[in-house]
Protein backbone atom coordinates (compact mmCIF):
# COMPACT_ATOMS: atom_id res chain seq x y z
CA MET A 1 0.03 0.00 0.01
CA ALA A 2 1.43 3.43 -0.95
CA PHE A 3 1.97 6.09 1.56
CA TYR A 4 -0.81 8.23 0.44
CA ASP A 5 -3.31 5.36 0.40
CA LEU A 6 -3.13 5.51 4.31
CA ASP A 7 -5.21 7.99 6.06
CA LYS A 8 -3.70 10.85 8.12
CA GLU A 9 -3.11 9.07 11.39
CA GLU A 10 -1.69 5.84 9.71
CA ARG A 11 0.84 8.27 7.82
CA LYS A 12 1.86 9.80 11.05
CA ALA A 13 2.43 6.37 12.52
CA VAL A 14 4.44 5.28 9.54
CA ALA A 15 6.60 8.48 9.75
CA GLY A 16 7.12 7.84 13.29
CA THR A 17 8.11 4.29 12.69
CA ILE A 18 10.56 5.24 9.93
CA GLN A 19 12.19 7.97 12.15
CA MET A 20 12.53 5.40 14.97
CA LYS A 21 13.98 2.77 12.94
CA LEU A 22 16.57 5.15 11.20
CA ALA A 23 17.62 6.24 14.75
CA LEU A 24 18.00 2.72 15.97
CA ASP A 25 20.11 1.63 12.83
CA ILE A 26 22.47 4.46 13.97
CA GLN A 27 22.72 3.02 17.44
CA GLY A 28 23.10 -0.47 16.22
CA GLY A 29 25.56 0.22 13.32
CA ASP A 30 23.20 -1.38 10.88
CA GLN A 31 22.18 0.45 7.65
CA SER A 32 19.44 -1.86 6.63
CA HIS A 33 16.49 0.40 7.30
CA TRP A 34 18.31 3.32 5.68
CA LEU A 35 18.82 1.39 2.50
CA LEU A 36 15.26 0.19 2.57
CA TYR A 37 13.70 3.43 2.98
CA PHE A 38 16.01 5.44 0.84
CA SER A 39 15.51 3.16 -2.10
CA ASP A 40 11.72 2.67 -1.79
CA ALA A 41 9.80 2.98 -4.96
CA ASP A 42 7.20 5.15 -3.08
CA THR A 43 8.56 8.84 -3.44
CA TYR A 44 6.58 9.72 -0.37
CA ILE A 45 8.35 7.05 1.80
CA ARG A 46 11.74 8.34 0.56
CA LYS A 47 10.52 11.82 1.39
CA THR A 48 9.43 10.76 4.82
CA ALA A 49 12.94 9.14 5.33
CA TYR A 50 14.84 12.26 4.41
CA LEU A 51 12.49 14.33 6.56
CA ALA A 52 13.09 11.90 9.39
CA VAL A 53 17.02 12.51 9.03
CA GLY A 54 16.37 16.31 9.53
CA LYS A 55 14.36 15.68 12.60
CA ILE A 56 16.94 13.31 14.06
CA TYR A 57 19.46 15.86 13.57
CA LYS A 58 17.45 18.56 15.03
CA GLN A 59 16.57 16.64 18.14
CA THR A 60 19.94 15.18 18.60
CA PRO A 61 22.70 17.65 17.11
CA ALA A 62 25.45 15.36 18.66
CA LEU A 63 24.65 12.59 16.08
CA LEU A 64 25.80 14.89 13.24
CA PRO A 65 29.06 12.96 12.61
CA GLU A 66 27.29 9.64 12.33
CA LEU A 67 24.52 11.08 10.14
CA LEU A 68 27.14 12.49 7.84
CA GLN A 69 29.15 9.32 7.72
CA TRP A 70 26.10 7.20 7.01
CA LEU A 71 24.95 9.68 4.22
CA HIS A 72 28.47 9.70 2.72
CA ALA A 73 28.38 5.94 2.34
CA LEU A 74 24.99 5.90 0.80
CA LEU A 75 25.97 8.63 -1.66
CA GLN A 76 28.09 6.05 -3.16
CA SER A 77 25.07 3.83 -4.10
CA ASP A 78 24.61 2.75 -7.66
CA GLN A 79 20.77 3.52 -7.22
CA GLU A 80 19.92 7.02 -8.23
CA GLN A 81 17.03 7.08 -5.84
CA VAL A 82 19.38 6.51 -3.05
CA ARG A 83 21.53 9.17 -4.09
CA GLN A 84 18.61 11.42 -4.75
CA THR A 85 17.35 10.79 -0.99
CA VAL A 86 20.82 11.37 0.52
CA ILE A 87 20.99 14.80 -1.02
CA ASN A 88 17.51 15.68 0.14
CA ALA A 89 18.46 14.40 3.48
CA ALA A 90 21.52 16.43 3.53
CA GLY A 91 19.39 19.37 2.55
CA GLU A 92 17.40 19.05 5.74
CA ILE A 93 20.68 19.16 7.83
CA GLY A 94 21.87 22.23 5.71
CA ILE A 95 18.83 24.31 6.70
CA HIS A 96 20.55 24.54 10.11
CA ASP A 97 24.36 23.86 9.19
CA PHE A 98 25.14 24.35 5.49
CA ASP A 99 28.86 23.96 5.99
CA ALA A 100 28.35 20.38 7.10
CA VAL A 101 26.62 19.33 3.75
CA ALA A 102 28.33 21.51 1.30
CA ALA A 103 30.38 18.71 -0.02
CA PHE A 104 27.27 16.80 -0.65
CA MET A 105 25.79 19.47 -2.84
CA GLU A 106 28.94 19.76 -4.69
CA GLN A 107 28.93 16.05 -5.60
CA GLY A 108 25.18 16.13 -6.35
CA LEU A 109 25.66 18.80 -8.81
CA PHE A 110 27.87 16.64 -10.95
CA ASP A 111 25.96 13.40 -10.48
CA ALA A 112 25.31 11.45 -13.78
CA HIS A 113 21.42 11.21 -12.95
CA HIS A 114 19.21 14.06 -13.52
CA CYS A 115 16.96 13.25 -10.37
CA VAL A 116 20.04 13.54 -8.12
CA ARG A 117 20.94 17.07 -9.64
CA ASN A 118 17.33 18.03 -9.31
CA ALA A 119 17.49 17.24 -5.59
CA VAL A 120 20.42 19.66 -5.21
CA ILE A 121 18.24 22.34 -6.80
CA GLY A 122 15.38 21.47 -4.40
CA SER A 123 17.81 21.43 -1.47
CA ILE A 124 19.40 24.87 -2.42
CA LYS A 125 15.80 26.24 -2.44
CA LYS A 126 14.73 25.04 0.95
CA MET A 127 18.14 25.75 2.49
CA GLY A 128 18.36 29.15 0.91
CA GLU A 129 15.02 30.07 2.30
CA LYS A 130 16.08 29.44 5.91
CA ASN A 131 19.84 29.73 5.81
CA PRO A 132 20.49 32.17 2.84
CA VAL A 133 24.11 33.53 3.46
CA PRO A 134 26.20 30.37 3.08
CA VAL A 135 23.78 28.99 0.46
CA LEU A 136 24.08 32.01 -1.80
CA ALA A 137 27.73 32.23 -1.34
CA PHE A 138 27.81 28.46 -2.58
CA ALA A 139 25.49 29.17 -5.42
CA ASN A 140 27.69 32.25 -6.48
CA ARG A 141 30.73 29.83 -6.79
CA TYR A 142 29.10 27.78 -9.47
CA LEU A 143 26.75 30.24 -11.13
CA HIS A 144 29.43 30.70 -14.08
CA HIS A 145 30.55 27.10 -14.10
CA PRO A 146 31.56 26.06 -17.66
CA ASP A 147 28.95 23.36 -17.61
CA LYS A 148 25.85 25.11 -18.77
CA GLU A 149 23.57 22.62 -16.88
CA ILE A 150 25.49 23.61 -13.57
CA ARG A 151 24.63 27.20 -14.43
CA ARG A 152 20.97 26.50 -15.03
CA GLU A 153 20.68 24.46 -11.98
CA ILE A 154 22.12 27.01 -9.79
CA CYS A 155 19.98 29.80 -11.32
CA HIS A 156 16.96 27.64 -10.58
CA GLY A 157 18.07 26.69 -7.15
CA ILE A 158 18.21 30.28 -5.89
CA GLU A 159 14.72 31.05 -6.85
CA LEU A 160 12.91 30.33 -3.65
CA GLN A 161 15.07 32.88 -1.65
CA GLY A 162 14.21 35.48 -4.38
CA ARG A 163 10.47 35.02 -4.03
CA THR A 164 10.61 36.84 -0.73
CA HIS A 165 14.01 38.71 -1.14
CA PRO A 166 14.47 39.43 -4.73
CA GLN A 167 17.09 41.99 -3.85
CA ASP A 168 19.23 39.17 -2.57
CA ILE A 169 19.47 37.30 -5.80
CA LEU A 170 18.91 40.05 -8.70
CA PRO A 171 22.60 41.07 -8.85
CA MET A 172 23.50 37.38 -9.14
CA LEU A 173 20.92 36.81 -11.88
CA GLN A 174 22.15 40.02 -13.80
CA THR A 175 25.49 38.31 -14.17
CA LEU A 176 23.79 35.76 -16.41
CA GLU A 177 22.07 38.23 -18.77
CA HIS A 178 24.64 37.56 -21.57
CA ASP A 179 24.64 33.74 -21.10
CA THR A 180 24.99 32.21 -24.53
CA THR A 181 23.12 29.08 -23.66
CA ALA A 182 19.21 29.14 -24.44
CA ARG A 183 18.41 26.84 -21.48
CA VAL A 184 20.29 29.01 -19.05
CA ARG A 185 18.59 32.15 -20.48
CA ASN A 186 15.11 30.62 -20.33
CA THR A 187 15.66 29.63 -16.78
CA LEU A 188 16.84 33.19 -15.90
CA ILE A 189 13.64 34.38 -17.36
CA HIS A 190 11.54 31.92 -15.65
CA VAL A 191 13.11 32.77 -12.27
CA LEU A 192 12.58 36.59 -12.88
CA GLY A 193 9.03 35.85 -13.28
CA GLN A 194 8.65 33.64 -10.11
CA ILE A 195 10.40 36.34 -8.03
CA SER A 196 7.98 39.13 -9.15
CA TYR A 197 4.57 38.47 -7.89
CA LYS A 198 4.59 38.71 -3.97
CA LYS A 199 4.18 41.89 -1.95
CA GLY A 200 6.90 44.46 -2.76
CA CYS A 201 8.64 42.19 -5.34
CA LEU A 202 7.36 43.47 -8.64
CA GLU A 203 8.57 46.99 -7.70
CA THR A 204 12.17 45.48 -6.78
CA VAL A 205 12.50 43.42 -9.90
CA VAL A 206 11.21 46.11 -12.46
CA SER A 207 13.59 48.76 -10.90
CA HIS A 208 16.67 46.30 -11.05
CA LEU A 209 15.88 45.41 -14.69
CA GLU A 210 16.32 48.94 -15.59
CA SER A 211 20.15 48.66 -15.15
CA TRP A 212 20.31 45.32 -17.38
CA GLU A 213 21.98 45.66 -20.69
CA ASN A 214 20.45 42.79 -22.54
CA GLN A 215 17.13 44.48 -23.67
CA THR A 216 15.86 41.35 -25.63
CA LEU A 217 16.11 39.26 -22.52
CA VAL A 218 14.50 41.84 -20.46
CA THR A 219 11.64 42.34 -22.90
CA LYS A 220 10.95 38.36 -22.64
CA ALA A 221 11.38 38.78 -18.78
CA LEU A 222 8.75 41.50 -18.48
CA GLU A 223 6.42 39.46 -20.77
CA GLU A 224 6.96 36.42 -18.35
CA ILE A 225 6.33 38.64 -15.28
CA ILE A 226 2.99 39.82 -16.71
CA ASP A 227 2.13 36.22 -17.67
CA VAL A 228 2.98 34.89 -14.03
CA HIS A 229 0.53 37.46 -12.72
CA ASP A 230 -2.11 35.52 -14.47
CA ARG A 231 -0.88 32.06 -13.85
CA TYR A 232 -0.58 32.90 -10.12
CA LYS A 233 -3.41 35.17 -9.89
CA ASP A 234 -4.61 33.45 -6.66
CA PHE A 235 -1.31 34.44 -4.96
CA ALA A 236 -0.06 37.51 -6.70
CA ILE A 237 -0.57 40.91 -5.06
CA TYR A 238 -1.49 42.66 -8.24
CA THR A 239 -3.83 41.41 -10.96
CA GLN A 240 -2.23 40.88 -14.38
CA GLN A 241 -3.58 44.23 -15.68
CA GLN A 242 -2.24 46.03 -12.60
CA ALA A 243 1.26 44.42 -13.14
CA ARG A 244 1.10 45.37 -16.95
CA GLU A 245 0.26 49.16 -16.15
CA TYR A 246 2.87 49.08 -13.40
CA ILE A 247 5.55 48.12 -15.83
CA GLU A 248 4.22 50.40 -18.53
CA GLN A 249 4.29 53.41 -16.18
CA HIS A 250 7.60 52.56 -14.30
CA TYR A 251 10.13 50.63 -16.46
CA LYS A 252 12.62 52.87 -18.09
CA ALA A 253 15.47 51.16 -19.75
CA SER A 254 18.96 52.66 -18.96
């Protein structure tokens, strides 16, 4: 039976059991349950497992060396689902202590499988939201990596911090405005849209775009921003028409 075939109380009980068994495995020096849950075919069992790792760390920070040791061992697995779950688990720890898991993120960025690389993006998002200073410093190191996929992934990864604090990432995004790879530019445009629709964000983004040089890209970004205000109309501060009028009235290219 899949995790979400269970009712709420049953899911809560399963989550408690998973956390308990992972903790007991550490005490007993046995990784059997870690391998079992980290490789489970059910995405939500794997998610419950990596969330449990974060809870174990938060409840008992002294276990950090053991947690890191076990995660490092599992990161060598030939199963991409295991490696993916390791990165997500490391991300739960990195919300509180990024330095402890930076090496996991570095290795995950270059993993052969896209699901592991995507886990790095997701982890950067959740870590950056709670622990932005070291996470953005890490992202800045790879934002201009020769590998276009690394650039794209990092650009995407810093999006969540930008949704509430666009001023933190706009200078970083601007350094990509002349990137020659279409996938990177398209991700950049996507991110600019995503960081524009919450309170105070449209004004910040539009003002910053005035200093950008690549007017072709800026035009596409402004179109994306207007479109986002329709796609996210249930969450956006402005209606699509208000966003369009704001841009028409306030955007002035340098």
